[in-house]
Amino acid sequence: IVNDRPRAFRLLKIARSADEETVTEQLSQL
């Protein structure tokens, strides 16, 4: 995976997205 640039880029993008899409303040709605 890390040697496959398109896949590695997508994993990095998802990891960053997970950092940005926090749900901490919304958990009380669930």
Full PDB file with SEQRES, HELIX, SHEET, SSBOND, CRYST1, ORIGX, SCALE, CONECT and MASTER records, all heavy atoms in Angstrom:
SEQRES   1 A   30  ILE VAL ASN ASP ARG PRO ARG ALA PHE ARG LEU LEU LYS          
SEQRES   2 A   30  ILE ALA ARG SER ALA ASP GLU GLU THR VAL THR GLU GLN          
SEQRES   3 A   30  LEU SER GLN LEU                                              
HELIX    1 AA1 ARG A    5  GLU A   20  1                                  16    
HELIX    2 AA2 THR A   24  GLN A   29  5                                   6    
CRYST1    1.000    1.000    1.000  90.00  90.00  90.00 P 1           1          
ORIGX1      1.000000  0.000000  0.000000        0.00000                         
ORIGX2      0.000000  1.000000  0.000000        0.00000                         
ORIGX3      0.000000  0.000000  1.000000        0.00000                         
SCALE1      1.000000  0.000000  0.000000        0.00000                         
SCALE2      0.000000  1.000000  0.000000        0.00000                         
SCALE3      0.000000  0.000000  1.000000        0.00000                         
ATOM      1  N   ILE A   1       0.830  -1.206   0.000  1.00  0.00           N  
ATOM      2  CA  ILE A   1       0.000   0.000   0.000  1.00  0.00           C  
ATOM      3  C   ILE A   1       0.864   1.255   0.000  1.00  0.00           C  
ATOM      4  O   ILE A   1       0.633   2.194  -0.774  1.00  0.00           O  
ATOM      5  CB  ILE A   1      -0.952  -0.011   1.209  1.00  0.00           C  
ATOM      6  CG1 ILE A   1      -2.048  -1.068   0.997  1.00  0.00           C  
ATOM      7  CG2 ILE A   1      -1.587   1.365   1.416  1.00  0.00           C  
ATOM      8  CD1 ILE A   1      -2.838  -1.379   2.254  1.00  0.00           C  
ATOM      9  N   VAL A   2       1.879   1.303   0.875  1.00  0.00           N  
ATOM     10  CA  VAL A   2       2.677   2.542   0.961  1.00  0.00           C  
ATOM     11  C   VAL A   2       3.524   2.750  -0.290  1.00  0.00           C  
ATOM     12  O   VAL A   2       3.970   3.860  -0.572  1.00  0.00           O  
ATOM     13  CB  VAL A   2       3.557   2.580   2.230  1.00  0.00           C  
ATOM     14  CG1 VAL A   2       2.703   2.522   3.477  1.00  0.00           C  
ATOM     15  CG2 VAL A   2       4.611   1.489   2.233  1.00  0.00           C  
ATOM     16  N   ASN A   3       3.749   1.670  -1.050  1.00  0.00           N  
ATOM     17  CA  ASN A   3       4.481   1.806  -2.311  1.00  0.00           C  
ATOM     18  C   ASN A   3       3.568   2.148  -3.484  1.00  0.00           C  
ATOM     19  O   ASN A   3       4.039   2.334  -4.604  1.00  0.00           O  
ATOM     20  CB  ASN A   3       5.251   0.516  -2.611  1.00  0.00           C  
ATOM     21  CG  ASN A   3       6.545   0.433  -1.829  1.00  0.00           C  
ATOM     22  OD1 ASN A   3       7.434   1.261  -2.021  1.00  0.00           O  
ATOM     23  ND2 ASN A   3       6.644  -0.535  -0.939  1.00  0.00           N  
ATOM     24  N   ASP A   4       2.264   2.195  -3.245  1.00  0.00           N  
ATOM     25  CA  ASP A   4       1.277   2.513  -4.276  1.00  0.00           C  
ATOM     26  C   ASP A   4       0.781   3.931  -4.001  1.00  0.00           C  
ATOM     27  O   ASP A   4      -0.056   4.158  -3.138  1.00  0.00           O  
ATOM     28  CB  ASP A   4       0.135   1.497  -4.192  1.00  0.00           C  
ATOM     29  CG  ASP A   4      -0.935   1.718  -5.250  1.00  0.00           C  
ATOM     30  OD1 ASP A   4      -1.083   2.865  -5.722  1.00  0.00           O  
ATOM     31  OD2 ASP A   4      -1.638   0.744  -5.587  1.00  0.00           O  
ATOM     32  N   ARG A   5       1.320   4.904  -4.728  1.00  0.00           N  
ATOM     33  CA  ARG A   5       1.065   6.307  -4.385  1.00  0.00           C  
ATOM     34  C   ARG A   5      -0.420   6.671  -4.369  1.00  0.00           C  
ATOM     35  O   ARG A   5      -0.880   7.326  -3.431  1.00  0.00           O  
ATOM     36  CB  ARG A   5       1.837   7.235  -5.329  1.00  0.00           C  
ATOM     37  CG  ARG A   5       3.332   7.222  -5.074  1.00  0.00           C  
ATOM     38  CD  ARG A   5       4.095   8.044  -6.087  1.00  0.00           C  
ATOM     39  NE  ARG A   5       3.796   9.468  -5.971  1.00  0.00           N  
ATOM     40  CZ  ARG A   5       4.410  10.292  -5.120  1.00  0.00           C  
ATOM     41  NH1 ARG A   5       5.322   9.831  -4.286  1.00  0.00           N  
ATOM     42  NH2 ARG A   5       4.104  11.572  -5.095  1.00  0.00           N  
ATOM     43  N   PRO A   6      -1.217   6.272  -5.364  1.00  0.00           N  
ATOM     44  CA  PRO A   6      -2.645   6.629  -5.297  1.00  0.00           C  
ATOM     45  C   PRO A   6      -3.333   6.096  -4.044  1.00  0.00           C  
ATOM     46  O   PRO A   6      -4.133   6.798  -3.423  1.00  0.00           O  
ATOM     47  CB  PRO A   6      -3.221   5.989  -6.572  1.00  0.00           C  
ATOM     48  CG  PRO A   6      -2.060   5.913  -7.510  1.00  0.00           C  
ATOM     49  CD  PRO A   6      -0.879   5.608  -6.639  1.00  0.00           C  
ATOM     50  N   ARG A   7      -3.008   4.858  -3.669  1.00  0.00           N  
ATOM     51  CA  ARG A   7      -3.641   4.298  -2.461  1.00  0.00           C  
ATOM     52  C   ARG A   7      -3.109   4.989  -1.207  1.00  0.00           C  
ATOM     53  O   ARG A   7      -3.874   5.321  -0.293  1.00  0.00           O  
ATOM     54  CB  ARG A   7      -3.396   2.793  -2.377  1.00  0.00           C  
ATOM     55  CG  ARG A   7      -4.254   2.010  -3.346  1.00  0.00           C  
ATOM     56  CD  ARG A   7      -4.403   0.561  -2.919  1.00  0.00           C  
ATOM     57  NE  ARG A   7      -3.179  -0.205  -3.114  1.00  0.00           N  
ATOM     58  CZ  ARG A   7      -3.018  -1.453  -2.698  1.00  0.00           C  
ATOM     59  NH1 ARG A   7      -3.975  -2.078  -2.054  1.00  0.00           N  
ATOM     60  NH2 ARG A   7      -1.885  -2.086  -2.927  1.00  0.00           N  
ATOM     61  N   ALA A   8      -1.800   5.221  -1.153  1.00  0.00           N  
ATOM     62  CA  ALA A   8      -1.211   5.872   0.021  1.00  0.00           C  
ATOM     63  C   ALA A   8      -1.778   7.278   0.204  1.00  0.00           C  
ATOM     64  O   ALA A   8      -2.084   7.698   1.328  1.00  0.00           O  
ATOM     65  CB  ALA A   8       0.310   5.922  -0.118  1.00  0.00           C  
ATOM     66  N   PHE A   9      -1.942   8.019  -0.891  1.00  0.00           N  
ATOM     67  CA  PHE A   9      -2.515   9.363  -0.806  1.00  0.00           C  
ATOM     68  C   PHE A   9      -3.935   9.310  -0.248  1.00  0.00           C  
ATOM     69  O   PHE A   9      -4.342  10.167   0.548  1.00  0.00           O  
ATOM     70  CB  PHE A   9      -2.539  10.038  -2.185  1.00  0.00           C  
ATOM     71  CG  PHE A   9      -1.229  10.691  -2.568  1.00  0.00           C  
ATOM     72  CD1 PHE A   9      -0.714  10.545  -3.845  1.00  0.00           C  
ATOM     73  CD2 PHE A   9      -0.519  11.458  -1.655  1.00  0.00           C  
ATOM     74  CE1 PHE A   9       0.486  11.150  -4.210  1.00  0.00           C  
ATOM     75  CE2 PHE A   9       0.675  12.068  -2.012  1.00  0.00           C  
ATOM     76  CZ  PHE A   9       1.190  11.908  -3.293  1.00  0.00           C  
ATOM     77  N   ARG A  10      -4.700   8.311  -0.677  1.00  0.00           N  
ATOM     78  CA  ARG A  10      -6.089   8.224  -0.206  1.00  0.00           C  
ATOM     79  C   ARG A  10      -6.151   7.869   1.279  1.00  0.00           C  
ATOM     80  O   ARG A  10      -6.978   8.420   2.010  1.00  0.00           O  
ATOM     81  CB  ARG A  10      -6.868   7.212  -1.063  1.00  0.00           C  
ATOM     82  CG  ARG A  10      -7.320   7.841  -2.388  1.00  0.00           C  
ATOM     83  CD  ARG A  10      -7.728   6.850  -3.437  1.00  0.00           C  
ATOM     84  NE  ARG A  10      -8.227   7.546  -4.617  1.00  0.00           N  
ATOM     85  CZ  ARG A  10      -7.455   8.144  -5.521  1.00  0.00           C  
ATOM     86  NH1 ARG A  10      -6.125   8.122  -5.379  1.00  0.00           N  
ATOM     87  NH2 ARG A  10      -7.988   8.775  -6.568  1.00  0.00           N  
ATOM     88  N   LEU A  11      -5.277   6.991   1.714  1.00  0.00           N  
ATOM     89  CA  LEU A  11      -5.251   6.677   3.137  1.00  0.00           C  
ATOM     90  C   LEU A  11      -4.878   7.903   3.962  1.00  0.00           C  
ATOM     91  O   LEU A  11      -5.470   8.156   5.015  1.00  0.00           O  
ATOM     92  CB  LEU A  11      -4.269   5.536   3.415  1.00  0.00           C  
ATOM     93  CG  LEU A  11      -4.681   4.149   2.951  1.00  0.00           C  
ATOM     94  CD1 LEU A  11      -3.629   3.130   3.376  1.00  0.00           C  
ATOM     95  CD2 LEU A  11      -6.029   3.758   3.531  1.00  0.00           C  
ATOM     96  N   LEU A  12      -3.913   8.648   3.489  1.00  0.00           N  
ATOM     97  CA  LEU A  12      -3.503   9.855   4.201  1.00  0.00           C  
ATOM     98  C   LEU A  12      -4.646  10.866   4.249  1.00  0.00           C  
ATOM     99  O   LEU A  12      -4.901  11.497   5.278  1.00  0.00           O  
ATOM    100  CB  LEU A  12      -2.277  10.458   3.513  1.00  0.00           C  
ATOM    101  CG  LEU A  12      -1.536  11.574   4.245  1.00  0.00           C  
ATOM    102  CD1 LEU A  12      -1.143  11.153   5.650  1.00  0.00           C  
ATOM    103  CD2 LEU A  12      -0.297  11.991   3.449  1.00  0.00           C  
ATOM    104  N   LYS A  13      -5.376  10.974   3.136  1.00  0.00           N  
ATOM    105  CA  LYS A  13      -6.513  11.905   3.085  1.00  0.00           C  
ATOM    106  C   LYS A  13      -7.614  11.466   4.067  1.00  0.00           C  
ATOM    107  O   LYS A  13      -8.221  12.290   4.747  1.00  0.00           O  
ATOM    108  CB  LYS A  13      -7.055  11.943   1.654  1.00  0.00           C  
ATOM    109  CG  LYS A  13      -8.091  13.032   1.406  1.00  0.00           C  
ATOM    110  CD  LYS A  13      -7.567  14.069   0.436  1.00  0.00           C  
ATOM    111  CE  LYS A  13      -8.549  15.234   0.291  1.00  0.00           C  
ATOM    112  NZ  LYS A  13      -9.808  14.884  -0.349  1.00  0.00           N  
ATOM    113  N   ILE A  14      -7.869  10.157   4.139  1.00  0.00           N  
ATOM    114  CA  ILE A  14      -8.887   9.668   5.065  1.00  0.00           C  
ATOM    115  C   ILE A  14      -8.437   9.886   6.507  1.00  0.00           C  
ATOM    116  O   ILE A  14      -9.243  10.274   7.366  1.00  0.00           O  
ATOM    117  CB  ILE A  14      -9.198   8.183   4.793  1.00  0.00           C  
ATOM    118  CG1 ILE A  14     -10.014   8.063   3.497  1.00  0.00           C  
ATOM    119  CG2 ILE A  14      -9.965   7.557   5.950  1.00  0.00           C  
ATOM    120  CD1 ILE A  14     -10.257   6.663   3.040  1.00  0.00           C  
ATOM    121  N   ALA A  15      -7.159   9.644   6.795  1.00  0.00           N  
ATOM    122  CA  ALA A  15      -6.660   9.862   8.155  1.00  0.00           C  
ATOM    123  C   ALA A  15      -6.837  11.327   8.563  1.00  0.00           C  
ATOM    124  O   ALA A  15      -7.265  11.626   9.684  1.00  0.00           O  
ATOM    125  CB  ALA A  15      -5.190   9.453   8.244  1.00  0.00           C  
ATOM    126  N   ARG A  16      -6.538  12.235   7.646  1.00  0.00           N  
ATOM    127  CA  ARG A  16      -6.721  13.656   7.947  1.00  0.00           C  
ATOM    128  C   ARG A  16      -8.200  13.997   8.092  1.00  0.00           C  
ATOM    129  O   ARG A  16      -8.588  14.786   8.955  1.00  0.00           O  
ATOM    130  CB  ARG A  16      -6.085  14.501   6.837  1.00  0.00           C  
ATOM    131  CG  ARG A  16      -4.563  14.474   6.878  1.00  0.00           C  
ATOM    132  CD  ARG A  16      -3.956  15.207   5.704  1.00  0.00           C  
ATOM    133  NE  ARG A  16      -2.502  15.233   5.787  1.00  0.00           N  
ATOM    134  CZ  ARG A  16      -1.694  15.441   4.756  1.00  0.00           C  
ATOM    135  NH1 ARG A  16      -2.212  15.640   3.544  1.00  0.00           N  
ATOM    136  NH2 ARG A  16      -0.387  15.452   4.918  1.00  0.00           N  
ATOM    137  N   SER A  17      -9.025  13.389   7.255  1.00  0.00           N  
ATOM    138  CA  SER A  17     -10.462  13.617   7.333  1.00  0.00           C  
ATOM    139  C   SER A  17     -11.004  13.153   8.675  1.00  0.00           C  
ATOM    140  O   SER A  17     -11.844  13.822   9.297  1.00  0.00           O  
ATOM    141  CB  SER A  17     -11.166  12.882   6.189  1.00  0.00           C  
ATOM    142  OG  SER A  17     -12.551  12.857   6.360  1.00  0.00           O  
ATOM    143  N   ALA A  18     -10.515  12.013   9.156  1.00  0.00           N  
ATOM    144  CA  ALA A  18     -10.966  11.500  10.453  1.00  0.00           C  
ATOM    145  C   ALA A  18     -10.597  12.468  11.573  1.00  0.00           C  
ATOM    146  O   ALA A  18     -11.365  12.665  12.522  1.00  0.00           O  
ATOM    147  CB  ALA A  18     -10.360  10.120  10.711  1.00  0.00           C  
ATOM    148  N   ASP A  19      -9.431  13.085  11.461  1.00  0.00           N  
ATOM    149  CA  ASP A  19      -9.030  14.085  12.460  1.00  0.00           C  
ATOM    150  C   ASP A  19      -9.952  15.301  12.434  1.00  0.00           C  
ATOM    151  O   ASP A  19     -10.235  15.902  13.472  1.00  0.00           O  
ATOM    152  CB  ASP A  19      -7.589  14.547  12.197  1.00  0.00           C  
ATOM    153  CG  ASP A  19      -6.562  13.497  12.600  1.00  0.00           C  
ATOM    154  OD1 ASP A  19      -6.911  12.598  13.385  1.00  0.00           O  
ATOM    155  OD2 ASP A  19      -5.415  13.583  12.133  1.00  0.00           O  
ATOM    156  N   GLU A  20     -10.404  15.658  11.230  1.00  0.00           N  
ATOM    157  CA  GLU A  20     -11.223  16.871  11.076  1.00  0.00           C  
ATOM    158  C   GLU A  20     -12.687  16.630  11.429  1.00  0.00           C  
ATOM    159  O   GLU A  20     -13.371  17.527  11.921  1.00  0.00           O  
ATOM    160  CB  GLU A  20     -11.129  17.375   9.625  1.00  0.00           C  
ATOM    161  CG  GLU A  20      -9.743  17.896   9.251  1.00  0.00           C  
ATOM    162  CD  GLU A  20      -9.560  18.034   7.746  1.00  0.00           C  
ATOM    163  OE1 GLU A  20     -10.543  17.786   7.000  1.00  0.00           O  
ATOM    164  OE2 GLU A  20      -8.444  18.369   7.307  1.00  0.00           O  
ATOM    165  N   GLU A  21     -13.170  15.419  11.163  1.00  0.00           N  
ATOM    166  CA  GLU A  21     -14.608  15.130  11.318  1.00  0.00           C  
ATOM    167  C   GLU A  21     -14.931  14.611  12.721  1.00  0.00           C  
ATOM    168  O   GLU A  21     -15.603  13.594  12.880  1.00  0.00           O  
ATOM    169  CB  GLU A  21     -15.050  14.108  10.259  1.00  0.00           C  
ATOM    170  CG  GLU A  21     -14.932  14.579   8.825  1.00  0.00           C  
ATOM    171  CD  GLU A  21     -15.971  15.643   8.474  1.00  0.00           C  
ATOM    172  OE1 GLU A  21     -17.039  15.664   9.107  1.00  0.00           O  
ATOM    173  OE2 GLU A  21     -15.702  16.429   7.565  1.00  0.00           O  
ATOM    174  N   THR A  22     -14.452  15.299  13.729  1.00  0.00           N  
ATOM    175  CA  THR A  22     -14.730  14.835  15.082  1.00  0.00           C  
ATOM    176  C   THR A  22     -16.215  15.007  15.410  1.00  0.00           C  
ATOM    177  O   THR A  22     -16.874  15.921  14.914  1.00  0.00           O  
ATOM    178  CB  THR A  22     -13.877  15.597  16.111  1.00  0.00           C  
ATOM    179  OG1 THR A  22     -14.107  16.995  15.953  1.00  0.00           O  
ATOM    180  CG2 THR A  22     -12.405  15.299  15.922  1.00  0.00           C  
ATOM    181  N   VAL A  23     -16.711  14.124  16.254  1.00  0.00           N  
ATOM    182  CA  VAL A  23     -18.137  14.133  16.610  1.00  0.00           C  
ATOM    183  C   VAL A  23     -18.329  14.343  18.118  1.00  0.00           C  
ATOM    184  O   VAL A  23     -19.439  14.205  18.627  1.00  0.00           O  
ATOM    185  CB  VAL A  23     -18.823  12.815  16.187  1.00  0.00           C  
ATOM    186  CG1 VAL A  23     -18.797  12.648  14.677  1.00  0.00           C  
ATOM    187  CG2 VAL A  23     -18.150  11.609  16.856  1.00  0.00           C  
ATOM    188  N   THR A  24     -17.260  14.720  18.797  1.00  0.00           N  
ATOM    189  CA  THR A  24     -17.283  14.809  20.262  1.00  0.00           C  
ATOM    190  C   THR A  24     -18.491  15.578  20.780  1.00  0.00           C  
ATOM    191  O   THR A  24     -19.215  15.114  21.660  1.00  0.00           O  
ATOM    192  CB  THR A  24     -15.987  15.478  20.763  1.00  0.00           C  
ATOM    193  OG1 THR A  24     -14.873  14.857  20.123  1.00  0.00           O  
ATOM    194  CG2 THR A  24     -15.844  15.316  22.270  1.00  0.00           C  
ATOM    195  N   GLU A  25     -18.717  16.770  20.220  1.00  0.00           N  
ATOM    196  CA  GLU A  25     -19.774  17.638  20.741  1.00  0.00           C  
ATOM    197  C   GLU A  25     -21.173  17.189  20.313  1.00  0.00           C  
ATOM    198  O   GLU A  25     -22.168  17.691  20.832  1.00  0.00           O  
ATOM    199  CB  GLU A  25     -19.533  19.089  20.285  1.00  0.00           C  
ATOM    200  CG  GLU A  25     -18.207  19.678  20.740  1.00  0.00           C  
ATOM    201  CD  GLU A  25     -18.015  19.614  22.253  1.00  0.00           C  
ATOM    202  OE1 GLU A  25     -19.007  19.835  22.985  1.00  0.00           O  
ATOM    203  OE2 GLU A  25     -16.891  19.326  22.710  1.00  0.00           O  
ATOM    204  N   GLN A  26     -21.264  16.254  19.376  1.00  0.00           N  
ATOM    205  CA  GLN A  26     -22.567  15.793  18.887  1.00  0.00           C  
ATOM    206  C   GLN A  26     -23.011  14.479  19.510  1.00  0.00           C  
ATOM    207  O   GLN A  26     -24.144  14.027  19.289  1.00  0.00           O  
ATOM    208  CB  GLN A  26     -22.518  15.644  17.355  1.00  0.00           C  
ATOM    209  CG  GLN A  26     -22.210  16.934  16.609  1.00  0.00           C  
ATOM    210  CD  GLN A  26     -21.741  16.652  15.184  1.00  0.00           C  
ATOM    211  OE1 GLN A  26     -20.580  16.348  14.941  1.00  0.00           O  
ATOM    212  NE2 GLN A  26     -22.678  16.718  14.252  1.00  0.00           N  
ATOM    213  N   LEU A  27     -22.140  13.862  20.294  1.00  0.00           N  
ATOM    214  CA  LEU A  27     -22.449  12.527  20.814  1.00  0.00           C  
ATOM    215  C   LEU A  27     -23.685  12.517  21.696  1.00  0.00           C  
ATOM    216  O   LEU A  27     -24.385  11.502  21.771  1.00  0.00           O  
ATOM    217  CB  LEU A  27     -21.242  11.970  21.578  1.00  0.00           C  
ATOM    218  CG  LEU A  27     -20.019  11.628  20.721  1.00  0.00           C  
ATOM    219  CD1 LEU A  27     -18.839  11.241  21.608  1.00  0.00           C  
ATOM    220  CD2 LEU A  27     -20.325  10.504  19.735  1.00  0.00           C  
ATOM    221  N   SER A  28     -23.989  13.620  22.337  1.00  0.00           N  
ATOM    222  CA  SER A  28     -25.165  13.676  23.214  1.00  0.00           C  
ATOM    223  C   SER A  28     -26.467  13.510  22.430  1.00  0.00           C  
ATOM    224  O   SER A  28     -27.515  13.212  23.009  1.00  0.00           O  
ATOM    225  CB  SER A  28     -25.187  15.003  23.981  1.00  0.00           C  
ATOM    226  OG  SER A  28     -25.247  16.091  23.079  1.00  0.00           O  
ATOM    227  N   GLN A  29     -26.403  13.686  21.092  1.00  0.00           N  
ATOM    228  CA  GLN A  29     -27.599  13.524  20.254  1.00  0.00           C  
ATOM    229  C   GLN A  29     -27.909  12.052  19.976  1.00  0.00           C  
ATOM    230  O   GLN A  29     -29.005  11.731  19.510  1.00  0.00           O  
ATOM    231  CB  GLN A  29     -27.405  14.245  18.918  1.00  0.00           C  
ATOM    232  CG  GLN A  29     -27.134  15.735  19.025  1.00  0.00           C  
ATOM    233  CD  GLN A  29     -26.747  16.330  17.674  1.00  0.00           C  
ATOM    234  OE1 GLN A  29     -27.172  15.853  16.621  1.00  0.00           O  
ATOM    235  NE2 GLN A  29     -25.924  17.370  17.697  1.00  0.00           N  
ATOM    236  N   LEU A  30     -26.937  11.180  20.224  1.00  0.00           N  
ATOM    237  CA  LEU A  30     -27.075   9.772  19.835  1.00  0.00           C  
ATOM    238  C   LEU A  30     -27.630   8.986  21.020  1.00  0.00           C  
ATOM    239  O   LEU A  30     -26.881   8.445  21.837  1.00  0.00           O  
ATOM    240  CB  LEU A  30     -25.726   9.215  19.381  1.00  0.00           C  
ATOM    241  CG  LEU A  30     -25.159   9.888  18.125  1.00  0.00           C  
ATOM    242  CD1 LEU A  30     -23.760   9.374  17.824  1.00  0.00           C  
ATOM    243  CD2 LEU A  30     -26.076   9.671  16.928  1.00  0.00           C  
TER     244      LEU A  30                                                      
MASTER        0    0    0    2    0    0    0    6  243    1    0    3          
END                                                                             
